[in-house]
Amino acid sequence: MSNFNLERTNMSNTDWSQKYRPTKLDDMVLPSTFRQKIEKAMITRGGMSMLFYGPPGTGKTTLAEVLNAQGLYKLNCSDTNSITDIRNLKRKCSARPLYTERRLILLDEGDFLTKEAQAALRGIAEEISAVNDFIMTANEPSRLSAAIHSRFLPIEFNFLATDEYKAALKARLKLIAELETGTTPESALLESIVRRQKTDIRAMIKTLQAELP
């Protein structure tokens, strides 16, 4: 685990889960083996297509956004999910990006894409891969076609609750509490929140905000 230097990323937001949303990889709470896998993917980046799947609140979208923040093109597929929307990617993202070597196209909540859009994505992703990497996030990967699964490397966000991982989660919650209240919360409270919310980090932070005196 890295020693993150947590900062308030949105001072005006009263929702702690958004105020302390990580803006770089080093600040994310991830199991060490998983972090190594992601760092390796970053080093060898070039035409990669990955599917981040797992329960809500585990950091899928946040991780995708921090991997290439300068070259990010994000499509929220919960409301932009038609075959026309996918075909527009070819028009909008064929040219090399201005400020980075490669663009990262994030298909957030890709499990909401229509069947026709998924079919169109297969060829388009390959056609514009010279200057683009792809990450799709999904809570329900079973909604995605076999063709999508074969083209997007699956990476599951459903981490084992190892002692190392739980300690890092508690440290994150402790730091947020100290920044917001100026006091250190009881270890028992942090342990309880981590146990109840399992892998949902967003829910952990919201619970912390609600339960602190």
Protein backbone atom coordinates (compact mmCIF):
# COMPACT_ATOMS: atom_id res chain seq x y z
CA MET A 1 0.00 0.00 0.00
CA SER A 2 1.23 3.50 -0.73
CA ASN A 3 1.19 6.27 1.86
CA PHE A 4 -1.30 8.65 0.30
CA ASN A 5 -1.24 12.37 0.95
CA LEU A 6 -4.97 13.00 0.97
CA GLU A 7 -6.23 16.41 -0.11
CA ARG A 8 -9.65 18.01 -0.33
CA THR A 9 -10.28 17.84 -4.07
CA ASN A 10 -13.51 19.83 -4.01
CA MET A 11 -13.62 22.33 -1.18
CA SER A 12 -17.19 23.44 -1.91
CA ASN A 13 -18.66 19.93 -1.81
CA THR A 14 -20.22 18.91 1.50
CA ASP A 15 -20.27 15.23 0.48
CA TRP A 16 -17.03 13.82 1.87
CA SER A 17 -17.00 10.96 -0.65
CA GLN A 18 -16.75 13.54 -3.44
CA LYS A 19 -14.58 16.02 -1.58
CA TYR A 20 -11.89 13.37 -1.06
CA ARG A 21 -12.23 11.54 -4.35
CA PRO A 22 -8.67 10.64 -5.47
CA THR A 23 -7.15 12.52 -8.38
CA LYS A 24 -4.04 10.35 -8.77
CA LEU A 25 -3.23 6.66 -8.56
CA ASP A 26 -1.04 7.00 -5.47
CA ASP A 27 -4.01 8.24 -3.44
CA MET A 28 -6.25 5.28 -4.21
CA VAL A 29 -6.78 2.51 -1.67
CA LEU A 30 -6.00 -0.66 -3.63
CA PRO A 31 -4.58 -4.07 -2.70
CA SER A 32 -0.87 -4.15 -3.52
CA THR A 33 -1.15 -7.02 -6.04
CA PHE A 34 -3.96 -5.22 -7.85
CA ARG A 35 -2.01 -1.96 -7.89
CA GLN A 36 0.96 -3.75 -9.46
CA LYS A 37 -1.27 -5.13 -12.21
CA ILE A 38 -2.60 -1.65 -13.02
CA GLU A 39 0.86 -0.07 -12.97
CA LYS A 40 2.09 -2.75 -15.38
CA ALA A 41 -0.82 -2.00 -17.70
CA MET A 42 0.10 1.69 -17.63
CA ILE A 43 3.72 0.97 -18.54
CA THR A 44 2.73 -1.20 -21.50
CA ARG A 45 -0.14 1.07 -22.56
CA GLY A 46 -0.89 1.04 -26.25
CA GLY A 47 -4.19 -0.08 -27.72
CA MET A 48 -5.31 -1.55 -24.42
CA SER A 49 -8.98 -2.28 -23.80
CA MET A 50 -9.97 -3.16 -20.24
CA LEU A 51 -13.24 -3.93 -18.53
CA PHE A 52 -13.40 -2.80 -14.89
CA TYR A 53 -16.27 -4.70 -13.29
CA GLY A 54 -17.55 -5.26 -9.80
CA PRO A 55 -19.83 -3.81 -7.11
CA PRO A 56 -20.62 -0.09 -6.92
CA GLY A 57 -18.33 2.17 -4.93
CA THR A 58 -15.15 0.16 -5.39
CA GLY A 59 -13.28 2.78 -7.43
CA LYS A 60 -13.78 1.60 -11.00
CA THR A 61 -14.60 4.99 -12.51
CA THR A 62 -12.16 6.89 -10.31
CA LEU A 63 -9.27 4.63 -11.27
CA ALA A 64 -10.07 4.93 -14.97
CA GLU A 65 -10.15 8.73 -14.68
CA VAL A 66 -6.79 9.04 -12.93
CA LEU A 67 -4.94 6.75 -15.34
CA ASN A 68 -4.93 9.41 -18.04
CA ALA A 69 -6.61 12.54 -16.69
CA GLN A 70 -5.15 14.83 -19.38
CA GLY A 71 -6.28 12.65 -22.25
CA LEU A 72 -9.67 11.53 -20.92
CA TYR A 73 -12.78 11.32 -23.07
CA LYS A 74 -15.69 10.09 -20.96
CA LEU A 75 -19.00 8.72 -22.16
CA ASN A 76 -21.66 8.08 -19.51
CA CYS A 77 -23.41 5.08 -20.99
CA SER A 78 -26.31 5.17 -18.53
CA ASP A 79 -27.80 7.97 -20.66
CA THR A 80 -25.55 8.07 -23.77
CA ASN A 81 -25.78 4.51 -24.97
CA SER A 82 -27.13 4.32 -28.53
CA ILE A 83 -25.46 3.05 -31.67
CA THR A 84 -25.26 6.69 -32.87
CA ASP A 85 -23.38 7.69 -29.72
CA ILE A 86 -20.84 4.93 -30.28
CA ARG A 87 -20.43 5.74 -33.97
CA ASN A 88 -19.70 9.33 -33.00
CA LEU A 89 -16.58 8.11 -31.21
CA LYS A 90 -14.95 7.49 -34.56
CA ARG A 91 -15.61 11.08 -35.65
CA LYS A 92 -14.58 12.68 -32.34
CA CYS A 93 -11.63 10.51 -31.35
CA SER A 94 -9.82 9.46 -34.53
CA ALA A 95 -7.24 12.26 -34.40
CA ARG A 96 -4.30 12.23 -31.99
CA PRO A 97 -5.09 14.20 -28.80
CA LEU A 98 -3.43 17.57 -28.32
CA TYR A 99 -2.00 17.31 -24.81
CA THR A 100 -1.01 13.67 -24.43
CA GLU A 101 0.37 10.86 -26.53
CA ARG A 102 -2.77 8.76 -26.28
CA ARG A 103 -6.40 9.35 -25.41
CA LEU A 104 -8.29 7.25 -22.87
CA ILE A 105 -11.91 6.66 -23.82
CA LEU A 106 -13.90 5.80 -20.70
CA LEU A 107 -17.19 4.04 -21.35
CA ASP A 108 -18.64 4.47 -17.87
CA GLU A 109 -21.45 2.09 -16.92
CA GLY A 110 -20.96 0.30 -20.22
CA ASP A 111 -23.41 -2.41 -19.21
CA PHE A 112 -26.16 0.09 -20.19
CA LEU A 113 -25.07 0.10 -23.84
CA THR A 114 -27.74 -1.22 -26.19
CA LYS A 115 -27.04 -4.45 -28.05
CA GLU A 116 -26.67 -2.47 -31.28
CA ALA A 117 -24.19 -0.09 -29.65
CA GLN A 118 -22.15 -3.01 -28.31
CA ALA A 119 -22.03 -4.52 -31.79
CA ALA A 120 -20.84 -1.23 -33.30
CA LEU A 121 -18.21 -0.76 -30.59
CA ARG A 122 -16.36 -3.94 -31.57
CA GLY A 123 -15.14 -2.59 -34.89
CA ILE A 124 -14.82 1.06 -33.89
CA ALA A 125 -12.59 0.26 -30.91
CA GLU A 126 -10.22 -1.59 -33.22
CA GLU A 127 -10.32 1.09 -35.94
CA ILE A 128 -9.28 3.96 -33.64
CA SER A 129 -6.94 2.00 -31.36
CA ALA A 130 -3.86 3.66 -32.92
CA VAL A 131 -4.34 6.74 -30.71
CA ASN A 132 -6.87 5.52 -28.13
CA ASP A 133 -7.03 3.22 -25.15
CA PHE A 134 -10.38 2.00 -23.85
CA ILE A 135 -11.72 1.31 -20.39
CA MET A 136 -15.29 0.20 -19.81
CA THR A 137 -16.82 0.03 -16.33
CA ALA A 138 -19.73 -2.20 -15.42
CA ASN A 139 -21.61 -3.27 -12.32
CA GLU A 140 -23.37 -6.06 -14.25
CA PRO A 141 -20.92 -7.47 -16.82
CA SER A 142 -23.41 -10.22 -17.70
CA ARG A 143 -25.28 -7.57 -19.72
CA LEU A 144 -22.33 -7.30 -22.09
CA SER A 145 -21.99 -9.47 -25.18
CA ALA A 146 -19.46 -12.27 -25.55
CA ALA A 147 -17.76 -10.20 -28.26
CA ILE A 148 -17.19 -7.32 -25.82
CA HIS A 149 -15.83 -9.71 -23.20
CA SER A 150 -13.37 -11.10 -25.73
CA ARG A 151 -12.05 -7.64 -26.66
CA PHE A 152 -11.86 -6.01 -23.22
CA LEU A 153 -9.48 -7.49 -20.66
CA PRO A 154 -11.61 -8.21 -17.57
CA ILE A 155 -10.33 -6.77 -14.28
CA GLU A 156 -12.52 -7.50 -11.28
CA PHE A 157 -13.03 -4.96 -8.49
CA ASN A 158 -14.13 -7.26 -5.69
CA PHE A 159 -11.17 -7.24 -3.37
CA LEU A 160 -10.47 -9.75 -0.65
CA ALA A 161 -10.70 -8.21 2.81
CA THR A 162 -7.10 -8.92 3.79
CA ASP A 163 -5.66 -7.37 6.94
CA GLU A 164 -3.45 -5.17 4.77
CA TYR A 165 -6.39 -3.87 2.74
CA LYS A 166 -8.60 -3.28 5.78
CA ALA A 167 -5.79 -1.39 7.50
CA ALA A 168 -5.43 0.90 4.47
CA LEU A 169 -9.19 1.54 4.39
CA LYS A 170 -9.21 2.41 8.09
CA ALA A 171 -6.25 4.74 7.57
CA ARG A 172 -8.13 6.56 4.79
CA LEU A 173 -11.22 6.98 6.96
CA LYS A 174 -9.13 8.11 9.93
CA LEU A 175 -7.39 10.77 7.86
CA ILE A 176 -10.65 12.11 6.44
CA ALA A 177 -12.15 12.30 9.92
CA GLU A 178 -9.12 14.15 11.25
CA LEU A 179 -9.15 16.64 8.37
CA GLU A 180 -12.85 17.35 8.83
CA THR A 181 -13.22 17.30 12.61
CA GLY A 182 -9.74 17.82 14.00
CA THR A 183 -10.12 14.71 16.18
CA THR A 184 -9.17 11.06 15.80
CA PRO A 185 -12.14 8.67 15.63
CA GLU A 186 -12.25 5.51 17.73
CA SER A 187 -10.69 2.49 16.08
CA ALA A 188 -13.81 0.45 16.85
CA LEU A 189 -15.94 2.81 14.76
CA LEU A 190 -13.59 2.56 11.79
CA GLU A 191 -13.48 -1.23 12.10
CA SER A 192 -17.28 -1.37 12.18
CA ILE A 193 -17.68 0.82 9.09
CA VAL A 194 -15.18 -1.20 7.05
CA ARG A 195 -16.84 -4.46 8.12
CA ARG A 196 -20.38 -3.31 7.32
CA GLN A 197 -19.67 -1.72 3.94
CA LYS A 198 -17.28 -4.46 2.71
CA THR A 199 -15.74 -3.19 -0.57
CA ASP A 200 -17.87 -0.07 -1.10
CA ILE A 201 -15.43 2.75 -0.27
CA ARG A 202 -17.91 5.44 -1.24
CA ALA A 203 -20.45 4.04 1.24
CA MET A 204 -17.74 3.84 3.92
CA ILE A 205 -16.99 7.55 3.63
CA LYS A 206 -20.68 8.48 3.61
CA THR A 207 -21.24 6.32 6.70
CA LEU A 208 -18.28 7.94 8.43
CA GLN A 209 -19.72 11.37 7.73
CA ALA A 210 -23.12 10.34 9.07
CA GLU A 211 -21.90 8.60 12.23
CA LEU A 212 -19.22 10.93 13.51
CA PRO A 213 -20.44 13.16 16.37
